[in-house]
Amino acid sequence: MYQDNDSNNSGPQRPVFRKIDHIAIAVHDVEEAIKYFTDVMGFNLERRLHIKGRRTGMLSAEMTHGEIKFVLCQGTEPESQVSRLISNYGPGVAHIALAVDEAHSAAEQLGGFGISFDTSVIEGPGLKQVFTARDSNSGLSFEFIERTSEGGFLEENVQNLFDQLEKADAY
């Protein structure tokens, strides 16, 4: 049975989701994807990152159009997290990031509903974020993100995420 946050039931509470912060898309070729998003869809390329882990890497591009944000992700090796994600689920949505008021509380509350996480709460300049394990039914992973100042993604934050996922062998 669905439990609404506003009910008087004393069961576990869910966090309030403020908005979709961004959607990460796993792509075969980030350059082709950038051209599609800019030339066809009219998005702006805000920044690019090249993240290197202990064994693999990732290229990413942050694309925006008004309040809409996509992060395009390409693995740099066949065994990288993004490449493995594409191998198992195909290109497309890697995760959906939902804005929350407090990432630690969101993880604790959702953990009470049985959600497992691939990362601990990652704390970096201007944001905190935590990533769920991929749901076996939908193939989706969610990020719960708490922003205090930074609207984009700093290399240090993405590197920390990449390192945690690589260590957990998650994708």
N, C-alpha and C. Protein backbone atom coordinates (compact mmCIF):
# COMPACT_ATOMS: atom_id res chain seq x y z
N MET A 1 0.84 -1.19 0.00
CA MET A 1 0.00 0.00 0.00
C MET A 1 0.88 1.24 0.00
N TYR A 2 0.53 2.22 -0.79
CA TYR A 2 1.27 3.47 -0.86
C TYR A 2 1.11 4.27 0.41
N GLN A 3 2.21 4.81 0.89
CA GLN A 3 2.16 5.64 2.09
C GLN A 3 2.55 7.06 1.72
N ASP A 4 1.66 7.99 1.92
CA ASP A 4 1.91 9.39 1.62
C ASP A 4 2.70 10.02 2.78
N ASN A 5 3.62 10.93 2.46
CA ASN A 5 4.38 11.63 3.49
C ASN A 5 3.48 12.41 4.44
N ASP A 6 2.30 12.81 3.96
CA ASP A 6 1.43 13.64 4.79
C ASP A 6 0.51 12.82 5.69
N SER A 7 0.57 11.51 5.58
CA SER A 7 -0.33 10.69 6.39
C SER A 7 0.11 10.74 7.86
N ASN A 8 -0.80 10.35 8.73
CA ASN A 8 -0.49 10.33 10.15
C ASN A 8 0.11 9.00 10.58
N ASN A 9 0.38 8.12 9.64
CA ASN A 9 0.98 6.83 9.91
C ASN A 9 2.38 7.04 10.47
N SER A 10 2.78 6.24 11.43
CA SER A 10 4.09 6.42 12.05
C SER A 10 5.18 5.61 11.35
N GLY A 11 4.90 5.07 10.18
CA GLY A 11 5.87 4.29 9.42
C GLY A 11 6.98 5.19 8.87
N PRO A 12 7.91 4.58 8.14
CA PRO A 12 9.03 5.35 7.60
C PRO A 12 8.56 6.44 6.63
N GLN A 13 9.26 7.52 6.61
CA GLN A 13 8.94 8.64 5.74
C GLN A 13 9.86 8.65 4.53
N ARG A 14 9.38 9.20 3.45
CA ARG A 14 10.18 9.37 2.24
C ARG A 14 10.64 10.82 2.16
N PRO A 15 11.77 11.05 1.50
CA PRO A 15 12.20 12.44 1.32
C PRO A 15 11.28 13.16 0.33
N VAL A 16 11.32 14.48 0.37
CA VAL A 16 10.59 15.29 -0.59
C VAL A 16 11.53 15.50 -1.78
N PHE A 17 11.08 15.17 -2.96
CA PHE A 17 11.86 15.40 -4.17
C PHE A 17 11.46 16.76 -4.74
N ARG A 18 12.42 17.65 -4.87
CA ARG A 18 12.15 19.04 -5.29
C ARG A 18 12.00 19.19 -6.79
N LYS A 19 12.82 18.47 -7.55
CA LYS A 19 12.76 18.55 -9.01
C LYS A 19 13.74 17.51 -9.56
N ILE A 20 13.69 17.32 -10.87
CA ILE A 20 14.73 16.53 -11.52
C ILE A 20 15.91 17.47 -11.72
N ASP A 21 17.03 17.16 -11.09
CA ASP A 21 18.22 17.98 -11.20
C ASP A 21 18.88 17.80 -12.56
N HIS A 22 19.01 16.54 -12.98
CA HIS A 22 19.57 16.21 -14.29
C HIS A 22 19.30 14.75 -14.60
N ILE A 23 19.50 14.41 -15.85
CA ILE A 23 19.42 13.02 -16.29
C ILE A 23 20.74 12.69 -16.96
N ALA A 24 21.38 11.62 -16.48
CA ALA A 24 22.64 11.17 -17.08
C ALA A 24 22.30 10.14 -18.16
N ILE A 25 22.92 10.30 -19.31
CA ILE A 25 22.67 9.43 -20.46
C ILE A 25 23.97 8.73 -20.84
N ALA A 26 23.93 7.40 -20.88
CA ALA A 26 25.08 6.61 -21.33
C ALA A 26 25.04 6.56 -22.86
N VAL A 27 26.15 6.95 -23.50
CA VAL A 27 26.21 7.02 -24.96
C VAL A 27 27.41 6.23 -25.47
N HIS A 28 27.30 5.79 -26.71
CA HIS A 28 28.44 5.12 -27.36
C HIS A 28 29.53 6.13 -27.70
N ASP A 29 29.13 7.31 -28.19
CA ASP A 29 30.08 8.30 -28.70
C ASP A 29 29.66 9.69 -28.21
N VAL A 30 30.40 10.23 -27.27
CA VAL A 30 30.02 11.51 -26.67
C VAL A 30 30.08 12.65 -27.69
N GLU A 31 31.01 12.61 -28.65
CA GLU A 31 31.09 13.68 -29.65
C GLU A 31 29.85 13.70 -30.54
N GLU A 32 29.40 12.52 -30.97
CA GLU A 32 28.17 12.43 -31.75
C GLU A 32 26.97 12.92 -30.94
N ALA A 33 26.94 12.54 -29.68
CA ALA A 33 25.83 12.94 -28.81
C ALA A 33 25.82 14.46 -28.60
N ILE A 34 27.01 15.06 -28.44
CA ILE A 34 27.09 16.52 -28.28
C ILE A 34 26.54 17.20 -29.53
N LYS A 35 26.92 16.72 -30.70
CA LYS A 35 26.42 17.31 -31.96
C LYS A 35 24.90 17.21 -32.03
N TYR A 36 24.36 16.06 -31.66
CA TYR A 36 22.91 15.88 -31.68
C TYR A 36 22.24 16.89 -30.74
N PHE A 37 22.73 16.96 -29.51
CA PHE A 37 22.11 17.86 -28.53
C PHE A 37 22.26 19.33 -28.91
N THR A 38 23.40 19.72 -29.49
CA THR A 38 23.59 21.14 -29.86
C THR A 38 22.94 21.46 -31.20
N ASP A 39 23.27 20.70 -32.25
CA ASP A 39 22.83 21.03 -33.60
C ASP A 39 21.36 20.72 -33.86
N VAL A 40 20.86 19.64 -33.30
CA VAL A 40 19.48 19.23 -33.56
C VAL A 40 18.53 19.76 -32.49
N MET A 41 18.90 19.55 -31.21
CA MET A 41 18.00 19.88 -30.11
C MET A 41 18.15 21.31 -29.59
N GLY A 42 19.26 21.98 -29.92
CA GLY A 42 19.45 23.37 -29.48
C GLY A 42 19.96 23.54 -28.06
N PHE A 43 20.58 22.51 -27.49
CA PHE A 43 21.15 22.60 -26.15
C PHE A 43 22.51 23.29 -26.21
N ASN A 44 22.97 23.76 -25.07
CA ASN A 44 24.30 24.37 -24.93
C ASN A 44 25.23 23.40 -24.22
N LEU A 45 26.46 23.33 -24.69
CA LEU A 45 27.49 22.54 -24.03
C LEU A 45 28.08 23.41 -22.93
N GLU A 46 27.88 23.01 -21.67
CA GLU A 46 28.36 23.80 -20.53
C GLU A 46 29.78 23.43 -20.12
N ARG A 47 30.09 22.15 -20.10
CA ARG A 47 31.44 21.72 -19.74
C ARG A 47 31.65 20.27 -20.12
N ARG A 48 32.92 19.94 -20.25
CA ARG A 48 33.34 18.57 -20.53
C ARG A 48 34.28 18.14 -19.41
N LEU A 49 34.26 16.84 -19.13
CA LEU A 49 35.20 16.28 -18.16
C LEU A 49 35.76 14.98 -18.71
N HIS A 50 37.01 14.70 -18.36
CA HIS A 50 37.62 13.40 -18.65
C HIS A 50 38.09 12.86 -17.30
N ILE A 51 37.38 11.85 -16.80
CA ILE A 51 37.66 11.28 -15.48
C ILE A 51 38.44 9.99 -15.68
N LYS A 52 39.49 9.82 -14.89
CA LYS A 52 40.31 8.61 -14.97
C LYS A 52 40.30 7.92 -13.61
N GLY A 53 39.91 6.66 -13.63
CA GLY A 53 39.93 5.85 -12.41
C GLY A 53 41.21 5.03 -12.34
N ARG A 54 41.23 4.07 -11.44
CA ARG A 54 42.41 3.21 -11.31
C ARG A 54 42.58 2.32 -12.54
N ARG A 55 41.44 1.88 -13.11
CA ARG A 55 41.50 0.95 -14.24
C ARG A 55 40.84 1.49 -15.50
N THR A 56 39.88 2.38 -15.38
CA THR A 56 39.10 2.82 -16.53
C THR A 56 38.85 4.33 -16.45
N GLY A 57 38.12 4.83 -17.43
CA GLY A 57 37.81 6.25 -17.45
C GLY A 57 36.45 6.53 -18.05
N MET A 58 36.11 7.82 -18.06
CA MET A 58 34.83 8.27 -18.57
C MET A 58 34.98 9.67 -19.15
N LEU A 59 34.33 9.90 -20.29
CA LEU A 59 34.20 11.25 -20.85
C LEU A 59 32.77 11.69 -20.56
N SER A 60 32.60 12.96 -20.19
CA SER A 60 31.24 13.45 -19.98
C SER A 60 31.09 14.85 -20.53
N ALA A 61 29.86 15.19 -20.84
CA ALA A 61 29.52 16.52 -21.34
C ALA A 61 28.22 16.94 -20.70
N GLU A 62 28.22 18.12 -20.12
CA GLU A 62 27.03 18.66 -19.46
C GLU A 62 26.30 19.56 -20.46
N MET A 63 25.07 19.20 -20.77
CA MET A 63 24.27 19.90 -21.77
C MET A 63 23.08 20.58 -21.09
N THR A 64 22.82 21.85 -21.41
CA THR A 64 21.70 22.55 -20.79
C THR A 64 20.85 23.27 -21.83
N HIS A 65 19.60 23.42 -21.48
CA HIS A 65 18.65 24.22 -22.25
C HIS A 65 17.66 24.77 -21.24
N GLY A 66 17.81 26.03 -20.87
CA GLY A 66 16.99 26.59 -19.80
C GLY A 66 17.25 25.84 -18.51
N GLU A 67 16.21 25.30 -17.91
CA GLU A 67 16.32 24.56 -16.65
C GLU A 67 16.58 23.07 -16.85
N ILE A 68 16.66 22.63 -18.11
CA ILE A 68 16.83 21.21 -18.41
C ILE A 68 18.31 20.89 -18.51
N LYS A 69 18.73 19.81 -17.86
CA LYS A 69 20.14 19.43 -17.88
C LYS A 69 20.29 17.93 -18.13
N PHE A 70 21.12 17.61 -19.12
CA PHE A 70 21.52 16.23 -19.39
C PHE A 70 23.02 16.14 -19.23
N VAL A 71 23.50 15.02 -18.71
CA VAL A 71 24.92 14.75 -18.65
C VAL A 71 25.17 13.52 -19.52
N LEU A 72 25.92 13.72 -20.59
CA LEU A 72 26.24 12.63 -21.51
C LEU A 72 27.50 11.94 -21.02
N CYS A 73 27.50 10.62 -20.98
CA CYS A 73 28.62 9.86 -20.44
C CYS A 73 29.05 8.76 -21.41
N GLN A 74 30.36 8.68 -21.65
CA GLN A 74 30.92 7.63 -22.51
C GLN A 74 32.08 6.97 -21.77
N GLY A 75 32.10 5.66 -21.74
CA GLY A 75 33.22 4.93 -21.18
C GLY A 75 34.42 5.01 -22.10
N THR A 76 35.62 5.00 -21.53
CA THR A 76 36.83 5.08 -22.36
C THR A 76 37.44 3.72 -22.63
N GLU A 77 37.01 2.69 -21.93
CA GLU A 77 37.48 1.32 -22.14
C GLU A 77 36.28 0.40 -22.10
N PRO A 78 36.38 -0.78 -22.72
CA PRO A 78 35.25 -1.73 -22.70
C PRO A 78 34.84 -2.14 -21.29
N GLU A 79 35.77 -2.15 -20.33
CA GLU A 79 35.44 -2.56 -18.97
C GLU A 79 35.04 -1.40 -18.06
N SER A 80 34.95 -0.18 -18.61
CA SER A 80 34.55 0.96 -17.76
C SER A 80 33.09 0.81 -17.35
N GLN A 81 32.70 1.54 -16.32
CA GLN A 81 31.35 1.47 -15.79
C GLN A 81 30.31 1.79 -16.86
N VAL A 82 30.53 2.86 -17.60
CA VAL A 82 29.56 3.28 -18.61
C VAL A 82 29.49 2.25 -19.75
N SER A 83 30.64 1.74 -20.17
CA SER A 83 30.65 0.73 -21.24
C SER A 83 29.92 -0.53 -20.79
N ARG A 84 30.11 -0.94 -19.55
CA ARG A 84 29.42 -2.13 -19.02
C ARG A 84 27.92 -1.87 -18.89
N LEU A 85 27.55 -0.66 -18.50
CA LEU A 85 26.13 -0.30 -18.42
C LEU A 85 25.49 -0.45 -19.80
N ILE A 86 26.15 0.08 -20.84
CA ILE A 86 25.63 -0.03 -22.20
C ILE A 86 25.57 -1.49 -22.63
N SER A 87 26.58 -2.27 -22.29
CA SER A 87 26.58 -3.70 -22.64
C SER A 87 25.39 -4.44 -22.04
N ASN A 88 25.05 -4.09 -20.81
CA ASN A 88 23.97 -4.80 -20.10
C ASN A 88 22.58 -4.23 -20.35
N TYR A 89 22.48 -2.91 -20.54
CA TYR A 89 21.17 -2.28 -20.66
C TYR A 89 20.98 -1.50 -21.95
N GLY A 90 22.03 -1.32 -22.73
CA GLY A 90 21.96 -0.51 -23.93
C GLY A 90 22.20 0.96 -23.61
N PRO A 91 22.42 1.79 -24.63
CA PRO A 91 22.58 3.22 -24.38
C PRO A 91 21.26 3.80 -23.89
N GLY A 92 21.34 4.89 -23.17
CA GLY A 92 20.14 5.54 -22.66
C GLY A 92 20.35 6.03 -21.25
N VAL A 93 19.28 6.10 -20.48
CA VAL A 93 19.33 6.68 -19.14
C VAL A 93 20.26 5.87 -18.24
N ALA A 94 21.29 6.55 -17.74
CA ALA A 94 22.21 5.94 -16.76
C ALA A 94 21.65 6.14 -15.36
N HIS A 95 21.22 7.36 -15.06
CA HIS A 95 20.53 7.61 -13.80
C HIS A 95 19.72 8.90 -13.91
N ILE A 96 18.76 9.02 -13.01
CA ILE A 96 17.96 10.24 -12.89
C ILE A 96 18.29 10.83 -11.53
N ALA A 97 18.70 12.10 -11.55
CA ALA A 97 19.07 12.78 -10.31
C ALA A 97 17.89 13.61 -9.80
N LEU A 98 17.49 13.34 -8.58
CA LEU A 98 16.39 14.06 -7.95
C LEU A 98 16.96 14.98 -6.86
N ALA A 99 16.57 16.25 -6.90
CA ALA A 99 17.01 17.21 -5.91
C ALA A 99 16.29 16.96 -4.59
N VAL A 100 17.05 16.91 -3.51
CA VAL A 100 16.51 16.74 -2.16
C VAL A 100 17.09 17.81 -1.26
N ASP A 101 16.44 18.02 -0.12
CA ASP A 101 16.95 19.02 0.83
C ASP A 101 18.18 18.53 1.57
N GLU A 102 18.27 17.22 1.81
CA GLU A 102 19.38 16.67 2.60
C GLU A 102 19.68 15.26 2.13
N ALA A 103 20.84 15.06 1.52
CA ALA A 103 21.21 13.77 0.93
C ALA A 103 21.33 12.67 1.98
N HIS A 104 21.92 12.97 3.13
CA HIS A 104 22.08 11.95 4.17
C HIS A 104 20.71 11.44 4.63
N SER A 105 19.77 12.36 4.86
CA SER A 105 18.43 11.97 5.30
C SER A 105 17.71 11.18 4.22
N ALA A 106 17.85 11.60 2.96
CA ALA A 106 17.20 10.89 1.86
C ALA A 106 17.68 9.44 1.81
N ALA A 107 18.98 9.25 1.93
CA ALA A 107 19.54 7.88 1.89
C ALA A 107 19.02 7.07 3.07
N GLU A 108 18.98 7.66 4.24
CA GLU A 108 18.49 6.95 5.43
C GLU A 108 17.02 6.60 5.29
N GLN A 109 16.21 7.58 4.85
CA GLN A 109 14.78 7.34 4.71
C GLN A 109 14.50 6.26 3.67
N LEU A 110 15.13 6.34 2.51
CA LEU A 110 14.88 5.37 1.45
C LEU A 110 15.47 4.01 1.78
N GLY A 111 16.55 3.99 2.54
CA GLY A 111 17.10 2.73 3.02
C GLY A 111 16.08 1.99 3.86
N GLY A 112 15.22 2.73 4.56
CA GLY A 112 14.15 2.14 5.36
C GLY A 112 13.10 1.43 4.51
N PHE A 113 13.07 1.74 3.22
CA PHE A 113 12.16 1.08 2.29
C PHE A 113 12.86 -0.01 1.50
N GLY A 114 14.10 -0.31 1.89
CA GLY A 114 14.82 -1.41 1.25
C GLY A 114 15.69 -1.03 0.06
N ILE A 115 15.80 0.26 -0.23
CA ILE A 115 16.66 0.67 -1.34
C ILE A 115 18.12 0.51 -0.91
N SER A 116 18.92 -0.08 -1.78
CA SER A 116 20.35 -0.20 -1.49
C SER A 116 21.10 0.82 -2.34
N PHE A 117 22.29 1.14 -1.91
CA PHE A 117 23.07 2.20 -2.53
C PHE A 117 24.42 1.68 -3.00
N ASP A 118 24.86 2.19 -4.15
CA ASP A 118 26.18 1.85 -4.68
C ASP A 118 27.27 2.74 -4.11
N THR A 119 26.88 3.87 -3.54
CA THR A 119 27.87 4.79 -2.96
C THR A 119 27.41 5.21 -1.57
N SER A 120 28.35 5.72 -0.80
CA SER A 120 27.98 6.45 0.41
C SER A 120 27.66 7.87 -0.06
N VAL A 121 27.27 8.74 0.85
CA VAL A 121 27.02 10.12 0.46
C VAL A 121 28.36 10.76 0.12
N ILE A 122 28.45 11.26 -1.09
CA ILE A 122 29.66 11.91 -1.59
C ILE A 122 29.52 13.40 -1.31
N GLU A 123 30.46 13.94 -0.57
CA GLU A 123 30.40 15.35 -0.21
C GLU A 123 31.52 16.10 -0.92
N GLY A 124 31.14 17.09 -1.68
CA GLY A 124 32.11 17.91 -2.39
C GLY A 124 31.71 19.37 -2.31
N PRO A 125 32.50 20.22 -2.90
CA PRO A 125 32.18 21.65 -2.88
C PRO A 125 30.81 21.93 -3.49
N GLY A 126 29.89 22.45 -2.70
CA GLY A 126 28.59 22.87 -3.20
C GLY A 126 27.54 21.80 -3.35
N LEU A 127 27.90 20.52 -3.13
CA LEU A 127 26.86 19.51 -3.26
C LEU A 127 27.19 18.24 -2.49
N LYS A 128 26.13 17.50 -2.21
CA LYS A 128 26.22 16.16 -1.62
C LYS A 128 25.35 15.28 -2.51
N GLN A 129 25.81 14.04 -2.75
CA GLN A 129 25.06 13.16 -3.62
C GLN A 129 25.26 11.71 -3.21
N VAL A 130 24.23 10.90 -3.48
CA VAL A 130 24.28 9.48 -3.18
C VAL A 130 23.54 8.76 -4.31
N PHE A 131 24.05 7.57 -4.70
CA PHE A 131 23.51 6.84 -5.84
C PHE A 131 22.97 5.49 -5.42
N THR A 132 21.76 5.17 -5.89
CA THR A 132 21.16 3.88 -5.59
C THR A 132 21.78 2.80 -6.46
N ALA A 133 21.63 1.57 -6.01
CA ALA A 133 21.95 0.43 -6.86
C ALA A 133 20.90 0.40 -7.96
N ARG A 134 21.24 -0.19 -9.07
CA ARG A 134 20.34 -0.27 -10.21
C ARG A 134 19.18 -1.22 -9.89
N ASP A 135 17.96 -0.77 -10.15
CA ASP A 135 16.76 -1.57 -9.93
C ASP A 135 16.72 -2.68 -10.98
N SER A 136 16.58 -3.92 -10.55
CA SER A 136 16.61 -5.05 -11.48
C SER A 136 15.40 -5.08 -12.41
N ASN A 137 14.29 -4.50 -12.01
CA ASN A 137 13.10 -4.50 -12.86
C ASN A 137 13.15 -3.43 -13.94
N SER A 138 13.46 -2.19 -13.56
CA SER A 138 13.43 -1.08 -14.52
C SER A 138 14.80 -0.79 -15.12
N GLY A 139 15.86 -1.26 -14.46
CA GLY A 139 17.21 -0.93 -14.91
C GLY A 139 17.66 0.44 -14.47
N LEU A 140 16.81 1.16 -13.73
CA LEU A 140 17.13 2.54 -13.33
C LEU A 140 17.97 2.61 -12.07
N SER A 141 18.79 3.65 -12.04
CA SER A 141 19.51 4.05 -10.85
C SER A 141 19.12 5.50 -10.59
N PHE A 142 19.01 5.86 -9.33
CA PHE A 142 18.68 7.23 -8.97
C PHE A 142 19.84 7.85 -8.19
N GLU A 143 20.00 9.13 -8.40
CA GLU A 143 20.92 9.93 -7.60
C GLU A 143 20.05 10.88 -6.80
N PHE A 144 20.38 11.06 -5.53
CA PHE A 144 19.72 12.05 -4.70
C PHE A 144 20.77 13.11 -4.43
N ILE A 145 20.47 14.34 -4.84
CA ILE A 145 21.48 15.39 -4.84
C ILE A 145 21.00 16.59 -4.04
N GLU A 146 21.87 17.04 -3.17
CA GLU A 146 21.64 18.23 -2.34
C GLU A 146 22.64 19.28 -2.79
N ARG A 147 22.17 20.36 -3.35
CA ARG A 147 23.06 21.44 -3.81
C ARG A 147 23.03 22.60 -2.82
N THR A 148 24.20 23.10 -2.51
CA THR A 148 24.27 24.29 -1.66
C THR A 148 24.80 25.50 -2.41
N SER A 149 25.49 25.27 -3.54
CA SER A 149 25.95 26.42 -4.33
C SER A 149 26.22 26.08 -5.78
N GLU A 150 26.92 25.04 -6.07
CA GLU A 150 27.35 24.73 -7.43
C GLU A 150 26.18 24.21 -8.26
N GLY A 151 25.97 24.81 -9.43
CA GLY A 151 24.90 24.37 -10.31
C GLY A 151 25.33 23.26 -11.24
N GLY A 152 26.63 23.12 -11.45
CA GLY A 152 27.13 22.09 -12.36
C GLY A 152 27.81 21.00 -11.57
N PHE A 153 28.84 20.44 -12.17
CA PHE A 153 29.57 19.34 -11.55
C PHE A 153 31.05 19.64 -11.62
N LEU A 154 31.69 19.67 -10.48
CA LEU A 154 33.13 19.90 -10.45
C LEU A 154 33.85 18.58 -10.66
N GLU A 155 35.01 18.65 -11.28
CA GLU A 155 35.77 17.44 -11.58
C GLU A 155 36.03 16.61 -10.33
N GLU A 156 36.31 17.28 -9.22
CA GLU A 156 36.58 16.57 -7.95
C GLU A 156 35.38 15.73 -7.50
N ASN A 157 34.16 16.26 -7.66
CA ASN A 157 32.95 15.52 -7.28
C ASN A 157 32.77 14.30 -8.17
N VAL A 158 32.92 14.49 -9.48
CA VAL A 158 32.73 13.39 -10.42
C VAL A 158 33.81 12.33 -10.21
N GLN A 159 35.03 12.77 -9.93
CA GLN A 159 36.13 11.83 -9.69
C GLN A 159 35.83 10.98 -8.45
N ASN A 160 35.33 11.60 -7.39
CA ASN A 160 34.98 10.87 -6.17
C ASN A 160 33.90 9.82 -6.45
N LEU A 161 32.88 10.21 -7.21
CA LEU A 161 31.83 9.28 -7.60
C LEU A 161 32.42 8.12 -8.40
N PHE A 162 33.22 8.44 -9.40
CA PHE A 162 33.80 7.42 -10.26
C PHE A 162 34.63 6.44 -9.43
N ASP A 163 35.43 6.97 -8.52
CA ASP A 163 36.27 6.11 -7.66
C ASP A 163 35.42 5.18 -6.81
N GLN A 164 34.32 5.69 -6.22
CA GLN A 164 33.46 4.83 -5.39
C GLN A 164 32.78 3.75 -6.22
N LEU A 165 32.29 4.11 -7.41
CA LEU A 165 31.63 3.12 -8.25
C LEU A 165 32.63 2.07 -8.75
N GLU A 166 33.83 2.50 -9.07
CA GLU A 166 34.86 1.56 -9.52
C GLU A 166 35.21 0.59 -8.40
N LYS A 167 35.35 1.13 -7.18
CA LYS A 167 35.68 0.28 -6.03
C LYS A 167 34.57 -0.73 -5.75
N ALA A 168 33.31 -0.30 -5.92
CA ALA A 168 32.18 -1.19 -5.65
C ALA A 168 31.87 -2.09 -6.85
N ASP A 169 32.59 -1.90 -7.96
CA ASP A 169 32.35 -2.63 -9.20
C ASP A 169 30.90 -2.45 -9.65
N ALA A 170 30.37 -1.23 -9.47
CA ALA A 170 28.98 -0.92 -9.82
C ALA A 170 28.94 -0.14 -11.12
N TYR A 171 27.82 -0.21 -11.79
CA TYR A 171 27.64 0.57 -13.02
C TYR A 171 26.21 0.97 -13.22
